[in-house]
Protein backbone atom coordinates (compact mmCIF):
# COMPACT_ATOMS: atom_id res chain seq x y z
CA MET A 1 122.56 96.12 115.41
CA ALA A 2 122.62 99.54 113.72
CA VAL A 3 121.53 99.97 110.10
CA LYS A 4 124.61 100.97 108.07
CA VAL A 5 123.93 103.77 105.57
CA LEU A 6 125.93 105.23 102.69
CA VAL A 7 124.90 108.83 101.82
CA VAL A 8 125.39 109.87 98.17
CA ASP A 9 124.91 113.46 96.98
CA ASP A 10 127.03 116.03 95.14
CA SER A 11 125.89 118.79 97.52
CA GLY A 12 128.14 118.99 100.56
CA PHE A 13 125.36 120.76 102.48
CA PHE A 14 122.82 118.03 101.74
CA ARG A 15 125.30 115.23 102.58
CA ARG A 16 126.00 116.85 105.95
CA ARG A 17 122.32 117.42 106.76
CA VAL A 18 121.29 113.88 105.81
CA THR A 19 124.24 112.50 107.79
CA GLU A 20 123.26 114.60 110.84
CA ILE A 21 119.63 113.53 110.64
CA LEU A 22 120.42 109.84 110.30
CA SER A 23 123.15 109.93 112.96
CA SER A 24 120.64 111.32 115.47
CA ASP A 25 118.99 107.88 115.45
CA PRO A 26 121.08 105.52 117.62
CA ALA A 27 119.92 102.57 115.50
CA ILE A 28 121.42 104.07 112.32
CA GLN A 29 125.12 104.44 111.50
CA VAL A 30 126.35 106.49 108.52
CA VAL A 31 129.37 104.46 107.39
CA GLY A 32 130.39 106.68 104.47
CA THR A 33 129.52 109.38 101.95
CA ALA A 34 130.07 109.87 98.23
CA ASN A 35 129.64 112.88 95.94
CA ASN A 36 129.03 111.11 92.61
CA GLY A 37 127.78 107.84 91.22
CA ARG A 38 131.19 106.38 90.56
CA GLU A 39 132.27 106.95 94.16
CA ALA A 40 128.95 105.47 95.29
CA ILE A 41 129.70 102.18 93.52
CA ASP A 42 133.21 101.98 95.01
CA GLN A 43 131.93 102.78 98.49
CA ALA A 44 129.06 100.30 98.20
CA LEU A 45 131.49 97.54 97.28
CA ALA A 46 133.95 98.46 100.04
CA LEU A 47 131.58 99.29 102.89
CA LYS A 48 128.66 96.93 102.15
CA PRO A 49 126.00 99.26 103.62
CA ASP A 50 122.50 98.08 104.48
CA VAL A 51 120.92 101.11 102.76
CA ILE A 52 122.10 103.77 100.29
CA THR A 53 120.52 107.22 99.98
CA MET A 54 121.04 108.48 96.43
CA ASP A 55 120.70 111.77 94.60
CA TYR A 56 119.98 111.71 90.86
CA GLU A 57 121.85 114.62 89.28
CA MET A 58 125.59 114.31 90.02
CA PRO A 59 128.89 114.76 88.13
CA MET A 60 130.92 111.80 86.81
CA MET A 61 127.95 109.42 86.95
CA ASP A 62 124.25 110.09 87.59
CA GLY A 63 122.19 108.33 90.24
CA ILE A 64 120.21 106.06 87.92
CA THR A 65 123.34 104.65 86.29
CA ALA A 66 124.85 104.15 89.74
CA VAL A 67 121.74 102.35 91.00
CA ARG A 68 121.73 100.04 87.99
CA GLN A 69 125.39 99.10 88.48
CA ILE A 70 125.02 98.68 92.24
CA MET A 71 122.10 96.31 91.67
CA GLN A 72 124.22 94.24 89.30
CA ARG A 73 127.35 94.14 91.47
CA CYS A 74 126.16 94.31 95.10
CA PRO A 75 122.34 94.54 95.35
CA THR A 76 121.53 97.00 98.15
CA PRO A 77 118.29 98.81 99.07
CA VAL A 78 118.45 102.35 97.63
CA LEU A 79 116.37 105.33 98.74
CA MET A 80 116.28 108.03 96.04
CA PHE A 81 115.90 111.76 96.67
CA SER A 82 113.84 113.50 94.00
CA SER A 83 112.24 116.85 93.19
CA LEU A 84 108.45 117.21 93.22
CA THR A 85 108.23 118.10 89.54
CA HIS A 86 107.10 116.25 86.42
CA GLU A 87 110.75 115.76 85.45
CA GLY A 88 111.53 114.66 89.01
CA ALA A 89 108.73 112.10 88.73
CA ARG A 90 110.08 110.73 85.45
CA VAL A 91 113.59 110.43 86.87
CA THR A 92 112.31 108.76 90.04
CA LEU A 93 110.31 106.21 88.07
CA ASP A 94 113.43 105.46 86.01
CA ALA A 95 115.38 104.96 89.25
CA LEU A 96 112.74 102.58 90.61
CA ASP A 97 112.87 100.68 87.33
CA ALA A 98 116.66 100.47 87.72
CA GLY A 99 116.26 98.87 91.15
CA ALA A 100 115.75 101.60 93.79
CA VAL A 101 113.29 100.61 96.52
CA ASP A 102 111.70 103.92 97.44
CA TYR A 103 112.05 107.69 97.22
CA LEU A 104 111.66 110.89 99.23
CA PRO A 105 111.15 114.46 97.99
CA LYS A 106 114.35 116.49 98.13
CA ASN A 107 113.15 119.72 99.68
CA PHE A 108 115.72 121.95 101.38
CA GLU A 109 112.98 124.17 102.86
CA ASP A 110 111.37 121.25 104.69
CA ILE A 111 114.73 120.24 106.15
CA SER A 112 115.20 123.68 107.70
CA ARG A 113 111.54 124.34 108.57
CA ASN A 114 110.38 120.91 109.84
CA PRO A 115 113.51 119.11 111.06
CA GLU A 116 111.66 116.73 113.40
CA LYS A 117 109.16 115.69 110.74
CA VAL A 118 111.97 115.17 108.21
CA LYS A 119 113.99 113.17 110.74
CA GLN A 120 111.03 110.91 111.53
CA LEU A 121 110.18 110.28 107.88
CA LEU A 122 113.76 109.72 106.71
CA CYS A 123 114.75 107.42 109.59
CA GLU A 124 111.51 105.46 109.25
CA LYS A 125 112.12 104.96 105.53
CA VAL A 126 115.70 103.81 106.12
CA HIS A 127 114.66 101.29 108.77
CA THR A 128 111.84 99.95 106.58
CA ILE A 129 113.79 99.50 103.36
CA SER A 130 116.73 97.95 105.24
CA ARG A 131 114.37 95.01 105.80
CA SER A 132 113.27 94.85 102.16
CA ASN A 133 113.87 92.02 99.72
CA ARG A 134 115.98 94.25 97.49
CA ARG A 135 119.18 92.43 98.43
CA TYR A 136 118.06 89.49 96.31
CA SER A 137 119.93 89.83 93.02
CA GLY A 138 116.86 88.75 91.08
CA PHE A 139 115.32 92.13 91.91
CA ALA A 140 118.17 93.88 90.13
CA GLN A 141 116.60 93.12 86.78
CA PRO A 142 113.53 95.25 86.07
CA ALA A 143 110.59 93.73 84.25
CA THR A 144 111.22 93.39 80.53
CA VAL A 145 108.44 94.80 78.39
CA ALA A 146 107.87 95.04 74.68
CA ALA A 147 108.00 98.34 72.83
CA PRO A 148 104.73 100.30 73.05
CA ALA A 149 103.86 99.74 69.38
CA ALA A 150 104.26 95.98 69.74
CA LEU A 151 102.12 96.01 72.89
CA ARG A 152 99.31 97.97 71.27
CA SER A 153 99.29 95.61 68.30
CA GLY A 154 99.06 92.56 70.52
CA ALA A 155 102.50 91.22 69.64
CA PRO A 156 103.95 88.82 72.23
CA THR A 157 105.90 90.40 75.08
CA SER A 158 109.24 89.30 76.43
CA ALA A 159 109.32 86.84 79.28
CA PRO A 160 108.79 88.37 82.73
CA ALA A 161 111.74 88.82 85.04
CA ALA A 162 112.69 85.91 87.23
CA ALA A 163 111.62 85.66 90.86
CA PRO A 164 114.19 86.84 93.37
CA ARG A 165 117.04 84.39 93.90
CA GLY A 166 117.22 83.06 97.39
CA ALA A 167 113.52 83.61 98.05
CA ALA A 168 111.50 80.49 98.72
CA PRO A 169 108.86 79.81 96.07
CA SER A 170 105.30 80.41 97.20
CA PRO A 171 103.17 77.33 97.80
CA SER A 172 101.03 76.15 94.92
CA GLN A 173 97.78 78.06 94.74
CA PRO A 174 94.52 76.98 93.12
CA SER A 175 93.47 78.45 89.80
CA PRO A 176 91.43 81.63 90.22
CA ARG A 177 87.66 81.57 90.33
CA ARG A 178 86.19 82.76 87.02
CA LYS A 179 83.49 85.37 87.27
CA ALA A 180 81.99 88.33 85.42
CA TYR A 181 83.68 90.90 87.63
CA LYS A 182 82.48 94.46 87.29
CA LEU A 183 85.71 95.90 88.71
CA VAL A 184 89.33 94.97 89.40
CA ALA A 185 90.85 97.11 92.17
CA ILE A 186 94.61 97.03 92.88
CA GLY A 187 96.23 98.71 95.89
CA THR A 188 99.94 99.07 96.59
CA SER A 189 102.67 101.25 98.12
CA THR A 190 106.46 100.75 98.41
CA GLY A 191 107.64 98.71 95.42
CA GLY A 192 104.32 99.32 93.71
CA PRO A 193 105.39 101.23 90.58
CA VAL A 194 107.48 98.32 89.31
CA ALA A 195 104.97 95.73 90.59
CA LEU A 196 102.07 97.42 88.78
CA GLN A 197 104.12 97.59 85.61
CA ARG A 198 104.82 93.86 85.78
CA VAL A 199 101.16 93.01 86.37
CA LEU A 200 99.51 95.40 83.92
CA THR A 201 101.82 94.67 80.99
CA GLN A 202 100.49 91.09 81.03
CA LEU A 203 96.89 92.16 80.39
CA PRO A 204 95.51 92.08 76.82
CA ALA A 205 94.00 95.12 75.15
CA GLY A 206 90.59 93.42 75.32
CA PHE A 207 90.68 92.89 79.08
CA PRO A 208 86.96 92.80 79.94
CA ALA A 209 86.86 94.48 83.35
CA PRO A 210 87.44 98.11 84.36
CA ILE A 211 90.45 98.60 86.65
CA VAL A 212 91.20 101.12 89.40
CA LEU A 213 94.74 101.55 90.76
CA ILE A 214 95.63 103.00 94.16
CA GLN A 215 99.36 103.70 94.56
CA HIS A 216 100.71 105.75 97.47
CA MET A 217 102.41 108.54 95.54
CA PRO A 218 102.71 112.36 95.64
CA ALA A 219 100.41 114.49 93.51
CA ALA A 220 103.29 115.54 91.26
CA PHE A 221 104.04 111.93 90.34
CA THR A 222 100.76 110.22 89.46
CA LYS A 223 100.22 111.87 86.05
CA ALA A 224 103.75 110.92 84.95
CA PHE A 225 103.29 107.39 86.30
CA ALA A 226 99.94 106.92 84.51
CA ASP A 227 101.47 108.18 81.24
CA ARG A 228 104.38 105.76 81.65
CA LEU A 229 102.07 102.79 82.21
CA ASP A 230 99.89 103.80 79.27
CA LYS A 231 102.92 103.70 76.95
CA LEU A 232 104.01 100.29 78.20
CA CYS A 233 100.68 98.45 78.44
CA LYS A 234 98.22 97.01 75.94
CA ILE A 235 95.36 98.36 78.06
CA ASN A 236 94.86 102.11 78.43
CA VAL A 237 95.97 103.83 81.65
CA LYS A 238 95.23 107.39 82.77
CA GLU A 239 95.26 109.46 85.93
CA ALA A 240 91.67 109.48 87.16
CA GLU A 241 89.60 112.67 86.99
CA ASP A 242 86.31 113.38 88.70
CA GLY A 243 83.47 112.01 86.57
CA ASP A 244 85.56 109.50 84.60
CA GLN A 245 83.58 106.44 83.51
CA LEU A 246 84.80 102.94 84.31
CA ARG A 247 85.13 100.87 81.15
CA PRO A 248 86.76 97.60 80.08
CA GLY A 249 90.39 97.85 79.05
CA LEU A 250 90.95 101.10 80.98
CA ALA A 251 92.88 101.44 84.24
CA LEU A 252 92.31 104.63 86.25
CA LEU A 253 95.10 105.64 88.64
CA ALA A 254 94.07 107.53 91.78
CA PRO A 255 95.63 111.03 91.74
CA GLY A 256 98.17 111.77 94.49
CA GLY A 257 96.94 113.92 97.36
CA LYS A 258 93.29 113.01 96.67
CA GLN A 259 90.85 110.18 97.40
CA MET A 260 89.19 108.07 94.70
CA MET A 261 85.78 106.44 95.07
CA VAL A 262 83.57 104.54 92.63
CA ASP A 263 79.77 104.41 92.48
CA GLY A 264 77.23 101.92 91.18
CA ARG A 265 76.71 103.90 87.97
CA GLY A 266 80.29 103.19 86.92
CA CYS A 267 81.49 106.68 87.72
CA VAL A 268 84.68 107.74 89.52
CA ARG A 269 84.59 110.43 92.17
CA ILE A 270 87.77 112.32 93.10
CA LEU A 271 87.61 113.95 96.52
CA PRO A 272 90.00 116.19 98.46
CA GLY A 273 92.53 114.33 100.57
CA ASP A 274 91.15 113.94 104.10
CA GLU A 275 93.75 115.17 106.62
CA ARG A 276 92.48 112.55 109.09
CA LEU A 277 93.77 109.80 106.79
CA ASN A 278 97.45 108.86 106.64
CA TYR A 279 97.32 108.00 102.94
CA LYS A 280 96.19 110.18 100.06
CA PRO A 281 95.16 108.23 98.05
CA CYS A 282 94.01 105.54 100.48
CA VAL A 283 93.37 101.93 99.41
CA ASP A 284 90.76 101.44 102.15
CA VAL A 285 88.67 104.34 100.81
CA THR A 286 88.55 103.01 97.25
CA PHE A 287 88.05 99.38 98.28
CA GLY A 288 85.24 100.40 100.65
CA SER A 289 83.40 102.34 97.94
CA ALA A 290 83.80 99.39 95.55
CA ALA A 291 82.26 97.03 98.12
CA LYS A 292 79.24 99.31 98.45
CA ALA A 293 78.85 99.87 94.70
CA TYR A 294 79.46 96.37 93.34
CA GLN A 295 78.94 93.97 96.25
CA ASP A 296 80.32 90.55 95.22
CA LYS A 297 81.45 91.61 91.72
CA VAL A 298 84.88 93.01 92.70
CA LEU A 299 88.27 91.34 92.39
CA ALA A 300 90.73 93.17 94.65
CA VAL A 301 94.51 92.69 94.68
CA VAL A 302 96.90 93.96 97.37
CA LEU A 303 100.52 94.27 96.26
CA THR A 304 103.80 95.13 97.97
CA GLY A 305 103.89 98.02 100.45
CA MET A 306 104.56 98.99 104.04
CA GLY A 307 101.75 99.35 106.56
CA ALA A 308 98.25 97.89 106.48
CA ASP A 309 96.32 100.15 104.10
CA GLY A 310 93.77 98.01 102.25
CA ARG A 311 93.01 95.63 105.12
CA GLU A 312 89.79 97.30 106.29
CA GLY A 313 88.62 97.90 102.74
CA ALA A 314 89.33 94.24 101.97
CA ARG A 315 87.26 93.30 105.01
CA LEU A 316 84.29 95.19 103.57
CA LEU A 317 84.81 93.53 100.19
CA LYS A 318 84.88 90.07 101.77
CA GLN A 319 81.71 90.83 103.73
CA SER A 320 80.06 91.71 100.39
CA GLY A 321 81.21 88.42 98.83
CA SER A 322 84.02 89.78 96.63
CA GLN A 323 87.41 88.14 96.05
CA VAL A 324 90.71 89.39 97.52
CA TRP A 325 94.19 88.34 96.42
CA ALA A 326 97.50 89.13 98.12
CA GLN A 327 101.02 89.16 96.68
CA ASP A 328 103.29 86.53 98.24
CA GLU A 329 106.11 87.45 100.60
CA ALA A 330 108.89 86.14 98.36
CA SER A 331 108.12 88.56 95.51
CA CYS A 332 107.28 91.63 97.64
CA VAL A 333 109.77 94.44 98.10
CA ILE A 334 108.05 95.20 101.43
CA TYR A 335 105.74 92.50 102.82
CA GLY A 336 103.49 94.81 104.83
CA MET A 337 100.16 95.45 103.12
CA PRO A 338 99.79 91.89 101.75
CA MET A 339 100.83 90.46 105.13
CA ALA A 340 98.07 92.47 106.82
CA ILE A 341 95.55 90.85 104.45
CA VAL A 342 96.88 87.35 105.08
CA LYS A 343 97.13 87.76 108.87
CA ALA A 344 93.51 88.93 108.97
CA ASN A 345 92.53 85.84 106.91
CA LEU A 346 90.96 88.03 104.23
CA ASN A 347 92.75 86.52 101.21
CA ASP A 348 91.15 84.09 98.78
CA ALA A 349 94.54 83.45 97.16
CA VAL A 350 98.22 84.37 97.49
CA TYR A 351 100.16 84.66 94.23
CA GLY A 352 103.70 85.55 93.19
CA LEU A 353 104.03 88.86 91.36
CA ASP A 354 104.70 87.32 87.95
CA ASP A 355 101.60 85.10 88.25
CA ILE A 356 99.10 87.82 89.14
CA GLY A 357 98.64 89.26 85.64
CA ARG A 358 98.10 85.80 84.14
CA HIS A 359 95.61 84.89 86.85
CA LEU A 360 93.72 88.14 86.34
CA VAL A 361 93.26 87.19 82.70
CA GLU A 362 92.13 83.67 83.68
CA ALA A 363 89.67 85.00 86.27
CA CYS A 364 88.07 87.69 84.12
CA ILE A 365 88.03 86.24 80.59
């Protein structure tokens, strides 16, 4: 059965090109188009598409407002188009917070210069997010966090968002093993920006272990994402730079387009993105370096995301005696990366998203 798609953009040229690209895949059917957010909501209610592609800047109603209302009225997986700029990153992160599943750079030059590559990427994204958990209405509500000042002062935060309705609860898991971990390493992809926000906002300012974060994300986005997390969390968060020192209460986010490794002296190394690797940054690369540097003193967590990045790095961590957790299927947007961990029998525990932050505190303090 074909994936039904609604294309939303105020540019007639872009609507036509996206429609042409998607229609070239026999397993995708473009059921309608809209040129502003208000039309998008009406069309979503009338056509009930499986996926919506959404622009941000449109007349009548912008994309973020439209996403938020669609998630409240008829939760549907949304793929945002964004510019590769700092402002584009901020807008995209706002859209993900509002309920969008994933994003693609909106680059007219790529569409005309590399049509086959664009077709492959766009169609692959549409097929993947059509199978996401975003239809559960519980996902429509982004995580609720306290104001930055309250977080920094240690004031209590609001309750985390509820688990997705309709998703089966994960089986009861044992309490985490307490240990003096030298590093917490978290890897994620699709759905990761919101998932990381929900996990990291639960950590206290005095969290005793250094943290490294690997999120599949373009180079233009990681600085904005790190700044956003830093404002929301009690711990400090920054985009990693070569030579940064690991320290308790600090989370270092791997820069987009690069690879991040750690060494036994507690130092971060940022390397050029290897063209032989699909992901830049790559979870396997960071996990593998952590296994070599810290042996059995690493606690690794694999969150929502498509593909299997992190599995081979987790294998090295397990061989060194470290612990590996996976996010459960019910709370994942895309159950790909955690599933790869579970299928390879590399997980020491499987936890729901809203339990992971609490369990990190229990394991490390």
